[in-house]
Protein backbone atom coordinates (compact mmCIF):
# COMPACT_ATOMS: atom_id res chain seq x y z
CA MET A 1 -11.52 3.51 -9.55
CA LEU A 2 -9.74 5.78 -7.05
CA THR A 3 -6.01 6.25 -7.68
CA HIS A 4 -3.65 8.16 -5.46
CA SER A 5 -0.46 9.66 -6.88
CA HIS A 6 2.30 11.41 -4.97
CA VAL A 7 5.89 12.46 -5.53
CA ARG A 8 8.80 11.81 -3.17
CA SER A 9 12.54 12.27 -3.27
CA ILE A 10 14.88 9.35 -2.73
CA GLU A 11 16.84 9.98 0.46
CA TRP A 12 20.35 8.85 1.32
CA GLY A 13 19.02 6.50 4.02
CA ASP A 14 16.95 4.66 1.39
CA CYS A 15 20.06 3.61 -0.55
CA ASP A 16 22.55 0.78 -0.34
CA PRO A 17 26.34 1.30 -0.59
CA ALA A 18 26.04 1.41 -4.40
CA GLY A 19 23.76 4.46 -4.09
CA ILE A 20 20.62 2.74 -5.39
CA VAL A 21 17.42 2.17 -3.43
CA PHE A 22 17.69 -0.88 -1.20
CA HIS A 23 14.78 -3.03 -2.40
CA PRO A 24 12.94 -3.38 0.99
CA ARG A 25 12.55 0.41 1.07
CA TYR A 26 10.10 0.14 -1.82
CA LEU A 27 7.74 -1.84 0.40
CA ALA A 28 7.87 0.97 2.95
CA TYR A 29 7.07 3.45 0.16
CA PHE A 30 4.15 1.31 -0.95
CA ASP A 31 2.85 0.86 2.59
CA HIS A 32 2.81 4.64 3.00
CA ALA A 33 1.12 5.04 -0.41
CA THR A 34 -1.61 2.58 0.68
CA CYS A 35 -2.27 4.66 3.79
CA LEU A 36 -2.46 7.81 1.64
CA LEU A 37 -4.92 6.11 -0.73
CA PHE A 38 -7.20 5.05 2.12
CA ALA A 39 -6.99 8.52 3.67
CA ARG A 40 -7.92 10.10 0.34
CA ALA A 41 -11.00 7.85 0.30
CA GLY A 42 -11.90 9.12 3.77
CA PHE A 43 -10.62 6.13 5.70
CA ASP A 44 -7.36 6.90 7.47
CA LEU A 45 -6.34 4.12 9.86
CA THR A 46 -7.70 5.91 12.94
CA THR A 47 -11.09 6.23 11.24
CA LEU A 48 -11.02 2.57 10.16
CA GLN A 49 -10.24 1.44 13.69
CA ALA A 50 -12.97 3.58 15.26
CA ARG A 51 -15.67 2.93 12.67
CA PHE A 52 -15.10 -0.73 11.84
CA GLY A 53 -13.06 -2.16 14.72
CA VAL A 54 -10.32 -3.19 12.33
CA LEU A 55 -6.72 -3.20 13.56
CA GLY A 56 -5.28 -2.79 10.09
CA TYR A 57 -4.65 -4.49 6.78
CA PRO A 58 -1.44 -6.51 7.04
CA VAL A 59 0.49 -7.76 4.02
CA VAL A 60 0.15 -11.45 3.21
CA ASP A 61 1.67 -11.59 -0.28
CA LEU A 62 3.87 -9.40 -2.44
CA HIS A 63 4.87 -9.59 -6.11
CA SER A 64 7.23 -7.01 -7.52
CA ARG A 65 9.20 -6.26 -10.65
CA PHE A 66 12.15 -3.92 -10.76
CA THR A 67 13.01 -2.46 -14.17
CA THR A 68 14.93 0.78 -13.59
CA PRO A 69 17.14 1.60 -10.60
CA CYS A 70 16.40 4.68 -8.50
CA ARG A 71 19.22 6.59 -6.85
CA PHE A 72 19.80 9.13 -4.12
CA GLY A 73 18.26 12.45 -5.13
CA ASP A 74 15.88 11.04 -7.75
CA GLU A 75 12.33 12.32 -7.64
CA VAL A 76 9.84 9.51 -8.13
CA ARG A 77 6.06 9.36 -8.54
CA ILE A 78 4.06 6.55 -6.97
CA GLU A 79 0.59 5.66 -8.27
CA THR A 80 -1.55 3.43 -6.05
CA ARG A 81 -4.99 1.86 -6.46
CA VAL A 82 -6.91 -1.14 -5.18
CA ALA A 83 -7.00 -3.57 -8.09
CA GLU A 84 -9.36 -6.14 -6.61
CA PHE A 85 -11.39 -6.83 -3.48
CA ARG A 86 -12.25 -10.34 -2.34
CA ASN A 87 -14.23 -11.15 0.81
CA SER A 88 -11.54 -10.26 3.37
CA SER A 89 -8.46 -9.62 1.23
CA PHE A 90 -7.59 -7.16 -1.47
CA ASP A 91 -4.80 -6.41 -3.94
CA VAL A 92 -3.18 -3.00 -4.01
CA HIS A 93 -1.35 -2.17 -7.23
CA HIS A 94 1.60 0.24 -7.14
CA ARG A 95 3.59 1.79 -9.96
CA LEU A 96 6.68 3.81 -9.18
CA TYR A 97 8.01 6.04 -11.98
CA ARG A 98 11.37 7.74 -12.28
CA GLY A 99 10.60 10.42 -14.84
CA ALA A 100 8.63 8.73 -17.61
CA ASP A 101 10.18 5.31 -16.86
CA LEU A 102 8.33 2.65 -14.88
CA ALA A 103 10.96 1.69 -12.30
CA VAL A 104 9.03 -0.65 -9.98
CA GLU A 105 5.66 -2.33 -10.22
CA ALA A 106 4.17 -4.28 -7.32
CA THR A 107 0.97 -5.98 -6.28
CA VAL A 108 0.54 -6.29 -2.55
CA THR A 109 -2.17 -8.55 -1.12
CA ARG A 110 -3.52 -7.37 2.21
CA VAL A 111 -6.09 -8.80 4.63
CA TRP A 112 -8.74 -6.77 6.46
CA ALA A 113 -7.99 -7.80 10.05
CA GLY A 114 -9.49 -7.32 13.49
CA PRO A 115 -8.75 -8.85 16.87
CA HIS A 116 -9.47 -12.54 17.21
CA PRO A 117 -12.50 -12.96 19.55
CA ASP A 118 -10.80 -15.75 21.54
CA ASP A 119 -7.30 -14.24 21.70
CA PRO A 120 -6.74 -10.51 21.40
CA GLN A 121 -3.06 -11.17 20.68
CA ARG A 122 -4.05 -12.72 17.33
CA LEU A 123 -5.65 -11.24 14.23
CA GLN A 124 -8.67 -12.57 12.40
CA ALA A 125 -9.67 -11.81 8.81
CA ARG A 126 -12.98 -9.96 8.45
CA PRO A 127 -15.05 -9.02 5.41
CA VAL A 128 -14.09 -5.69 3.87
CA PRO A 129 -16.99 -3.25 4.52
CA GLU A 130 -19.06 -2.19 1.55
CA ALA A 131 -18.48 1.50 2.39
CA VAL A 132 -14.73 0.99 1.93
CA ARG A 133 -15.22 -0.86 -1.35
CA VAL A 134 -17.44 1.88 -2.69
CA ALA A 135 -15.13 4.70 -1.56
CA LEU A 136 -12.20 3.08 -3.34
CA GLY A 137 -14.27 2.73 -6.49
CA THR A 138 -13.84 -0.96 -7.16
CA GLU A 139 -17.52 -1.97 -6.77
């Protein structure tokens, strides 16, 4: 199973007045980590759009657990992997560590989405291509 890991520093703009990461910022971190994971597998968003006609993989559900606060200046490591594929949706599991401590754990459910054939302003779920499943090592 393909896992992507990267390190980032907590910036001042990520923090609330108490100097800890404002919780919605973690979702932005995890969205970026998902893009990095797909790119590592050879499927950056531009490639996905050109090859499969997909517009993206929007979030439809999120479960998170916060155990250790992160603060301005902390260096954190984010590990990301696809935990499960279903027909048109998949779960991405993220673990964010501050040092050796697990600070945040989240599972984000996303849907493989393309333009709706009757209304291009809407999205429609599509099956996740086998090539993507194989590249991410969950098949």
